[in-house]
Amino acid sequence: MAKTEEQELIAQISRLYVELRTYKKAITNPPSWIDTKILMDTVFQLEAEVRELEAELEVHQLILRMFDSMQTVAPK
């Protein structure tokens, strides 16, 4: 179950990176009808979501490593 959660976090991060690249491309050459402030706000929001998910993934991985190390040290 833990691996599935980790895989889901990785998939979410990957999807957000794809979306982020799309918005960053739009910022470099925005169509005239798009408000660049809205684009920038969206980029900032996506970057914040990515950071949050990456932190969650890191915590998840640390907990798994701690659990695994306890399993190898514990007598059977």
PDB file of N, CA and C in Angstrom:
ATOM      1  N   MET A   1       0.821  -1.197   0.000  1.00  0.00           N
ATOM      2  CA  MET A   1       0.000   0.000   0.000  1.00  0.00           C
ATOM      3  C   MET A   1       0.866   1.263   0.000  1.00  0.00           C
ATOM      4  N   ALA A   2       1.964   1.242   0.715  1.00  0.00           N
ATOM      5  CA  ALA A   2       2.827   2.415   0.797  1.00  0.00           C
ATOM      6  C   ALA A   2       3.421   2.756  -0.565  1.00  0.00           C
ATOM      7  N   LYS A   3       3.814   1.738  -1.312  1.00  0.00           N
ATOM      8  CA  LYS A   3       4.373   1.983  -2.636  1.00  0.00           C
ATOM      9  C   LYS A   3       3.335   2.629  -3.545  1.00  0.00           C
ATOM     10  N   THR A   4       2.086   2.212  -3.422  1.00  0.00           N
ATOM     11  CA  THR A   4       1.026   2.779  -4.251  1.00  0.00           C
ATOM     12  C   THR A   4       0.864   4.269  -3.956  1.00  0.00           C
ATOM     13  N   GLU A   5       0.909   4.643  -2.692  1.00  0.00           N
ATOM     14  CA  GLU A   5       0.812   6.054  -2.323  1.00  0.00           C
ATOM     15  C   GLU A   5       1.988   6.831  -2.887  1.00  0.00           C
ATOM     16  N   GLU A   6       3.166   6.247  -2.796  1.00  0.00           N
ATOM     17  CA  GLU A   6       4.373   6.887  -3.319  1.00  0.00           C
ATOM     18  C   GLU A   6       4.255   7.057  -4.836  1.00  0.00           C
ATOM     19  N   GLN A   7       3.782   6.029  -5.511  1.00  0.00           N
ATOM     20  CA  GLN A   7       3.620   6.105  -6.962  1.00  0.00           C
ATOM     21  C   GLN A   7       2.599   7.163  -7.347  1.00  0.00           C
ATOM     22  N   GLU A   8       1.536   7.283  -6.577  1.00  0.00           N
ATOM     23  CA  GLU A   8       0.522   8.292  -6.857  1.00  0.00           C
ATOM     24  C   GLU A   8       1.083   9.703  -6.675  1.00  0.00           C
ATOM     25  N   LEU A   9       1.873   9.917  -5.626  1.00  0.00           N
ATOM     26  CA  LEU A   9       2.506  11.218  -5.423  1.00  0.00           C
ATOM     27  C   LEU A   9       3.437  11.551  -6.580  1.00  0.00           C
ATOM     28  N   ILE A  10       4.212  10.579  -7.008  1.00  0.00           N
ATOM     29  CA  ILE A  10       5.132  10.789  -8.128  1.00  0.00           C
ATOM     30  C   ILE A  10       4.349  11.124  -9.396  1.00  0.00           C
ATOM     31  N   ALA A  11       3.247  10.425  -9.627  1.00  0.00           N
ATOM     32  CA  ALA A  11       2.420  10.701 -10.808  1.00  0.00           C
ATOM     33  C   ALA A  11       1.826  12.109 -10.747  1.00  0.00           C
ATOM     34  N   GLN A  12       1.356  12.514  -9.566  1.00  0.00           N
ATOM     35  CA  GLN A  12       0.791  13.863  -9.414  1.00  0.00           C
ATOM     36  C   GLN A  12       1.849  14.925  -9.685  1.00  0.00           C
ATOM     37  N   ILE A  13       3.046  14.715  -9.152  1.00  0.00           N
ATOM     38  CA  ILE A  13       4.140  15.664  -9.361  1.00  0.00           C
ATOM     39  C   ILE A  13       4.483  15.751 -10.844  1.00  0.00           C
ATOM     40  N   SER A  14       4.546  14.621 -11.501  1.00  0.00           N
ATOM     41  CA  SER A  14       4.856  14.596 -12.935  1.00  0.00           C
ATOM     42  C   SER A  14       3.808  15.354 -13.736  1.00  0.00           C
ATOM     43  N   ARG A  15       2.541  15.127 -13.425  1.00  0.00           N
ATOM     44  CA  ARG A  15       1.458  15.838 -14.132  1.00  0.00           C
ATOM     45  C   ARG A  15       1.562  17.349 -13.914  1.00  0.00           C
ATOM     46  N   LEU A  16       1.880  17.749 -12.686  1.00  0.00           N
ATOM     47  CA  LEU A  16       1.994  19.180 -12.408  1.00  0.00           C
ATOM     48  C   LEU A  16       3.186  19.791 -13.140  1.00  0.00           C
ATOM     49  N   TYR A  17       4.294  19.042 -13.249  1.00  0.00           N
ATOM     50  CA  TYR A  17       5.452  19.548 -13.994  1.00  0.00           C
ATOM     51  C   TYR A  17       5.111  19.758 -15.467  1.00  0.00           C
ATOM     52  N   VAL A  18       4.340  18.853 -16.046  1.00  0.00           N
ATOM     53  CA  VAL A  18       3.921  19.010 -17.440  1.00  0.00           C
ATOM     54  C   VAL A  18       3.073  20.269 -17.588  1.00  0.00           C
ATOM     55  N   GLU A  19       2.123  20.432 -16.676  1.00  0.00           N
ATOM     56  CA  GLU A  19       1.262  21.613 -16.697  1.00  0.00           C
ATOM     57  C   GLU A  19       2.078  22.881 -16.493  1.00  0.00           C
ATOM     58  N   LEU A  20       3.033  22.819 -15.587  1.00  0.00           N
ATOM     59  CA  LEU A  20       3.888  23.973 -15.298  1.00  0.00           C
ATOM     60  C   LEU A  20       4.694  24.383 -16.531  1.00  0.00           C
ATOM     61  N   ARG A  21       5.244  23.400 -17.237  1.00  0.00           N
ATOM     62  CA  ARG A  21       5.996  23.708 -18.461  1.00  0.00           C
ATOM     63  C   ARG A  21       5.096  24.402 -19.486  1.00  0.00           C
ATOM     64  N   THR A  22       3.861  23.949 -19.600  1.00  0.00           N
ATOM     65  CA  THR A  22       2.922  24.545 -20.550  1.00  0.00           C
ATOM     66  C   THR A  22       2.679  26.016 -20.211  1.00  0.00           C
ATOM     67  N   TYR A  23       2.446  26.297 -18.942  1.00  0.00           N
ATOM     68  CA  TYR A  23       2.197  27.681 -18.538  1.00  0.00           C
ATOM     69  C   TYR A  23       3.441  28.545 -18.683  1.00  0.00           C
ATOM     70  N   LYS A  24       4.600  27.990 -18.401  1.00  0.00           N
ATOM     71  CA  LYS A  24       5.837  28.774 -18.546  1.00  0.00           C
ATOM     72  C   LYS A  24       6.103  29.101 -20.012  1.00  0.00           C
ATOM     73  N   LYS A  25       5.769  28.171 -20.917  1.00  0.00           N
ATOM     74  CA  LYS A  25       5.902  28.459 -22.349  1.00  0.00           C
ATOM     75  C   LYS A  25       4.954  29.587 -22.742  1.00  0.00           C
ATOM     76  N   ALA A  26       3.751  29.547 -22.208  1.00  0.00           N
ATOM     77  CA  ALA A  26       2.763  30.582 -22.528  1.00  0.00           C
ATOM     78  C   ALA A  26       3.220  31.950 -22.027  1.00  0.00           C
ATOM     79  N   ILE A  27       3.930  31.968 -20.921  1.00  0.00           N
ATOM     80  CA  ILE A  27       4.418  33.242 -20.371  1.00  0.00           C
ATOM     81  C   ILE A  27       5.473  33.854 -21.277  1.00  0.00           C
ATOM     82  N   THR A  28       6.336  33.006 -21.857  1.00  0.00           N
ATOM     83  CA  THR A  28       7.412  33.544 -22.691  1.00  0.00           C
ATOM     84  C   THR A  28       6.890  34.167 -23.976  1.00  0.00           C
ATOM     85  N   ASN A  29       5.769  33.680 -24.466  1.00  0.00           N
ATOM     86  CA  ASN A  29       5.189  34.229 -25.690  1.00  0.00           C
ATOM     87  C   ASN A  29       3.663  34.170 -25.595  1.00  0.00           C
ATOM     88  N   PRO A  30       3.089  34.995 -24.727  1.00  0.00           N
ATOM     89  CA  PRO A  30       1.645  34.898 -24.485  1.00  0.00           C
ATOM     90  C   PRO A  30       0.826  35.479 -25.637  1.00  0.00           C
ATOM     91  N   PRO A  31      -0.291  34.841 -25.929  1.00  0.00           N
ATOM     92  CA  PRO A  31      -1.220  35.452 -26.887  1.00  0.00           C
ATOM     93  C   PRO A  31      -1.731  36.776 -26.320  1.00  0.00           C
ATOM     94  N   SER A  32      -2.138  37.657 -27.183  1.00  0.00           N
ATOM     95  CA  SER A  32      -2.557  38.996 -26.739  1.00  0.00           C
ATOM     96  C   SER A  32      -3.802  38.963 -25.859  1.00  0.00           C
ATOM     97  N   TRP A  33      -4.613  37.945 -25.981  1.00  0.00           N
ATOM     98  CA  TRP A  33      -5.863  37.884 -25.236  1.00  0.00           C
ATOM     99  C   TRP A  33      -5.695  37.298 -23.833  1.00  0.00           C
ATOM    100  N   ILE A  34      -4.483  36.845 -23.497  1.00  0.00           N
ATOM    101  CA  ILE A  34      -4.254  36.244 -22.176  1.00  0.00           C
ATOM    102  C   ILE A  34      -3.620  37.265 -21.240  1.00  0.00           C
ATOM    103  N   ASP A  35      -4.158  37.357 -20.053  1.00  0.00           N
ATOM    104  CA  ASP A  35      -3.611  38.237 -19.019  1.00  0.00           C
ATOM    105  C   ASP A  35      -2.390  37.551 -18.396  1.00  0.00           C
ATOM    106  N   THR A  36      -1.223  38.145 -18.559  1.00  0.00           N
ATOM    107  CA  THR A  36       0.004  37.517 -18.059  1.00  0.00           C
ATOM    108  C   THR A  36       0.026  37.435 -16.533  1.00  0.00           C
ATOM    109  N   LYS A  37      -0.683  38.319 -15.855  1.00  0.00           N
ATOM    110  CA  LYS A  37      -0.750  38.236 -14.393  1.00  0.00           C
ATOM    111  C   LYS A  37      -1.431  36.932 -13.982  1.00  0.00           C
ATOM    112  N   ILE A  38      -2.484  36.572 -14.681  1.00  0.00           N
ATOM    113  CA  ILE A  38      -3.174  35.312 -14.377  1.00  0.00           C
ATOM    114  C   ILE A  38      -2.242  34.133 -14.645  1.00  0.00           C
ATOM    115  N   LEU A  39      -1.494  34.205 -15.740  1.00  0.00           N
ATOM    116  CA  LEU A  39      -0.525  33.140 -16.036  1.00  0.00           C
ATOM    117  C   LEU A  39       0.514  33.021 -14.926  1.00  0.00           C
ATOM    118  N   MET A  40       1.049  34.148 -14.492  1.00  0.00           N
ATOM    119  CA  MET A  40       2.066  34.126 -13.437  1.00  0.00           C
ATOM    120  C   MET A  40       1.493  33.594 -12.128  1.00  0.00           C
ATOM    121  N   ASP A  41       0.287  34.013 -11.802  1.00  0.00           N
ATOM    122  CA  ASP A  41      -0.354  33.512 -10.582  1.00  0.00           C
ATOM    123  C   ASP A  41      -0.539  31.998 -10.654  1.00  0.00           C
ATOM    124  N   THR A  42      -0.908  31.516 -11.823  1.00  0.00           N
ATOM    125  CA  THR A  42      -1.088  30.078 -12.012  1.00  0.00           C
ATOM    126  C   THR A  42       0.242  29.347 -11.878  1.00  0.00           C
ATOM    127  N   VAL A  43       1.301  29.914 -12.442  1.00  0.00           N
ATOM    128  CA  VAL A  43       2.636  29.304 -12.319  1.00  0.00           C
ATOM    129  C   VAL A  43       3.054  29.247 -10.852  1.00  0.00           C
ATOM    130  N   PHE A  44       2.859  30.336 -10.128  1.00  0.00           N
ATOM    131  CA  PHE A  44       3.214  30.348  -8.705  1.00  0.00           C
ATOM    132  C   PHE A  44       2.419  29.301  -7.927  1.00  0.00           C
ATOM    133  N   GLN A  45       1.144  29.181  -8.255  1.00  0.00           N
ATOM    134  CA  GLN A  45       0.298  28.196  -7.579  1.00  0.00           C
ATOM    135  C   GLN A  45       0.764  26.770  -7.897  1.00  0.00           C
ATOM    136  N   LEU A  46       1.069  26.518  -9.153  1.00  0.00           N
ATOM    137  CA  LEU A  46       1.546  25.181  -9.537  1.00  0.00           C
ATOM    138  C   LEU A  46       2.881  24.858  -8.872  1.00  0.00           C
ATOM    139  N   GLU A  47       3.772  25.837  -8.819  1.00  0.00           N
ATOM    140  CA  GLU A  47       5.067  25.620  -8.168  1.00  0.00           C
ATOM    141  C   GLU A  47       4.879  25.317  -6.683  1.00  0.00           C
ATOM    142  N   ALA A  48       3.950  26.008  -6.049  1.00  0.00           N
ATOM    143  CA  ALA A  48       3.676  25.752  -4.630  1.00  0.00           C
ATOM    144  C   ALA A  48       3.114  24.345  -4.440  1.00  0.00           C
ATOM    145  N   GLU A  49       2.220  23.920  -5.329  1.00  0.00           N
ATOM    146  CA  GLU A  49       1.663  22.574  -5.241  1.00  0.00           C
ATOM    147  C   GLU A  49       2.748  21.515  -5.427  1.00  0.00           C
ATOM    148  N   VAL A  50       3.653  21.757  -6.374  1.00  0.00           N
ATOM    149  CA  VAL A  50       4.751  20.814  -6.616  1.00  0.00           C
ATOM    150  C   VAL A  50       5.630  20.716  -5.374  1.00  0.00           C
ATOM    151  N   ARG A  51       5.986  21.864  -4.789  1.00  0.00           N
ATOM    152  CA  ARG A  51       6.822  21.853  -3.578  1.00  0.00           C
ATOM    153  C   ARG A  51       6.132  21.092  -2.450  1.00  0.00           C
ATOM    154  N   GLU A  52       4.842  21.319  -2.294  1.00  0.00           N
ATOM    155  CA  GLU A  52       4.091  20.645  -1.235  1.00  0.00           C
ATOM    156  C   GLU A  52       4.072  19.127  -1.455  1.00  0.00           C
ATOM    157  N   LEU A  53       3.816  18.707  -2.676  1.00  0.00           N
ATOM    158  CA  LEU A  53       3.786  17.271  -2.976  1.00  0.00           C
ATOM    159  C   LEU A  53       5.167  16.645  -2.853  1.00  0.00           C
ATOM    160  N   GLU A  54       6.197  17.373  -3.274  1.00  0.00           N
ATOM    161  CA  GLU A  54       7.562  16.853  -3.130  1.00  0.00           C
ATOM    162  C   GLU A  54       7.934  16.698  -1.660  1.00  0.00           C
ATOM    163  N   ALA A  55       7.514  17.643  -0.830  1.00  0.00           N
ATOM    164  CA  ALA A  55       7.778  17.533   0.610  1.00  0.00           C
ATOM    165  C   ALA A  55       7.023  16.342   1.193  1.00  0.00           C
ATOM    166  N   GLU A  56       5.785  16.163   0.766  1.00  0.00           N
ATOM    167  CA  GLU A  56       4.990  15.030   1.229  1.00  0.00           C
ATOM    168  C   GLU A  56       5.636  13.707   0.805  1.00  0.00           C
ATOM    169  N   LEU A  57       6.123  13.667  -0.421  1.00  0.00           N
ATOM    170  CA  LEU A  57       6.797  12.466  -0.920  1.00  0.00           C
ATOM    171  C   LEU A  57       8.066  12.182  -0.122  1.00  0.00           C
ATOM    172  N   GLU A  58       8.830  13.226   0.160  1.00  0.00           N
ATOM    173  CA  GLU A  58      10.060  13.059   0.931  1.00  0.00           C
ATOM    174  C   GLU A  58       9.769  12.512   2.327  1.00  0.00           C
ATOM    175  N   VAL A  59       8.750  13.060   2.984  1.00  0.00           N
ATOM    176  CA  VAL A  59       8.367  12.572   4.310  1.00  0.00           C
ATOM    177  C   VAL A  59       7.933  11.115   4.219  1.00  0.00           C
ATOM    178  N   HIS A  60       7.153  10.818   3.217  1.00  0.00           N
ATOM    179  CA  HIS A  60       6.674   9.453   3.002  1.00  0.00           C
ATOM    180  C   HIS A  60       7.854   8.494   2.832  1.00  0.00           C
ATOM    181  N   GLN A  61       8.824   8.880   2.020  1.00  0.00           N
ATOM    182  CA  GLN A  61       9.986   8.033   1.782  1.00  0.00           C
ATOM    183  C   GLN A  61      10.833   7.872   3.045  1.00  0.00           C
ATOM    184  N   LEU A  62      10.969   8.936   3.827  1.00  0.00           N
ATOM    185  CA  LEU A  62      11.719   8.849   5.081  1.00  0.00           C
ATOM    186  C   LEU A  62      11.049   7.892   6.061  1.00  0.00           C
ATOM    187  N   ILE A  63       9.741   7.985   6.150  1.00  0.00           N
ATOM    188  CA  ILE A  63       8.999   7.085   7.045  1.00  0.00           C
ATOM    189  C   ILE A  63       9.174   5.637   6.600  1.00  0.00           C
ATOM    190  N   LEU A  64       9.097   5.404   5.293  1.00  0.00           N
ATOM    191  CA  LEU A  64       9.292   4.044   4.778  1.00  0.00           C
ATOM    192  C   LEU A  64      10.695   3.522   5.097  1.00  0.00           C
ATOM    193  N   ARG A  65      11.699   4.383   4.923  1.00  0.00           N
ATOM    194  CA  ARG A  65      13.071   3.968   5.234  1.00  0.00           C
ATOM    195  C   ARG A  65      13.232   3.665   6.713  1.00  0.00           C
ATOM    196  N   MET A  66      12.643   4.489   7.563  1.00  0.00           N
ATOM    197  CA  MET A  66      12.715   4.241   9.003  1.00  0.00           C
ATOM    198  C   MET A  66      12.027   2.926   9.349  1.00  0.00           C
ATOM    199  N   PHE A  67      10.870   2.696   8.774  1.00  0.00           N
ATOM    200  CA  PHE A  67      10.142   1.460   9.018  1.00  0.00           C
ATOM    201  C   PHE A  67      10.951   0.258   8.542  1.00  0.00           C
ATOM    202  N   ASP A  68      11.537   0.373   7.347  1.00  0.00           N
ATOM    203  CA  ASP A  68      12.354  -0.719   6.812  1.00  0.00           C
ATOM    204  C   ASP A  68      13.566  -0.995   7.698  1.00  0.00           C
ATOM    205  N   SER A  69      14.196   0.071   8.195  1.00  0.00           N
ATOM    206  CA  SER A  69      15.373  -0.135   9.049  1.00  0.00           C
ATOM    207  C   SER A  69      14.977  -0.767  10.376  1.00  0.00           C
ATOM    208  N   MET A  70      13.792  -0.452  10.864  1.00  0.00           N
ATOM    209  CA  MET A  70      13.327  -1.072  12.109  1.00  0.00           C
ATOM    210  C   MET A  70      13.030  -2.551  11.882  1.00  0.00           C
ATOM    211  N   GLN A  71      12.558  -2.882  10.706  1.00  0.00           N
ATOM    212  CA  GLN A  71      12.253  -4.270  10.402  1.00  0.00           C
ATOM    213  C   GLN A  71      13.520  -5.127  10.317  1.00  0.00           C
ATOM    214  N   THR A  72      14.597  -4.538   9.788  1.00  0.00           N
ATOM    215  CA  THR A  72      15.840  -5.296   9.652  1.00  0.00           C
ATOM    216  C   THR A  72      16.579  -5.414  10.980  1.00  0.00           C
ATOM    217  N   VAL A  73      16.367  -4.457  11.892  1.00  0.00           N
ATOM    218  CA  VAL A  73      17.054  -4.483  13.190  1.00  0.00           C
ATOM    219  C   VAL A  73      16.294  -5.324  14.204  1.00  0.00           C
ATOM    220  N   ALA A  74      14.989  -5.344  14.109  1.00  0.00           N
ATOM    221  CA  ALA A  74      14.163  -6.057  15.088  1.00  0.00           C
ATOM    222  C   ALA A  74      14.429  -7.566  15.036  1.00  0.00           C
ATOM    223  N   PRO A  75      14.565  -8.209  16.206  1.00  0.00           N
ATOM    224  CA  PRO A  75      14.778  -9.653  16.205  1.00  0.00           C
ATOM    225  C   PRO A  75      13.507 -10.388  15.763  1.00  0.00           C
ATOM    226  N   LYS A  76      13.725 -11.498  15.116  1.00  0.00           N
ATOM    227  CA  LYS A  76      12.588 -12.262  14.604  1.00  0.00           C
ATOM    228  C   LYS A  76      12.318 -13.478  15.438  1.00  0.00           C
TER     229      LYS A  76
END
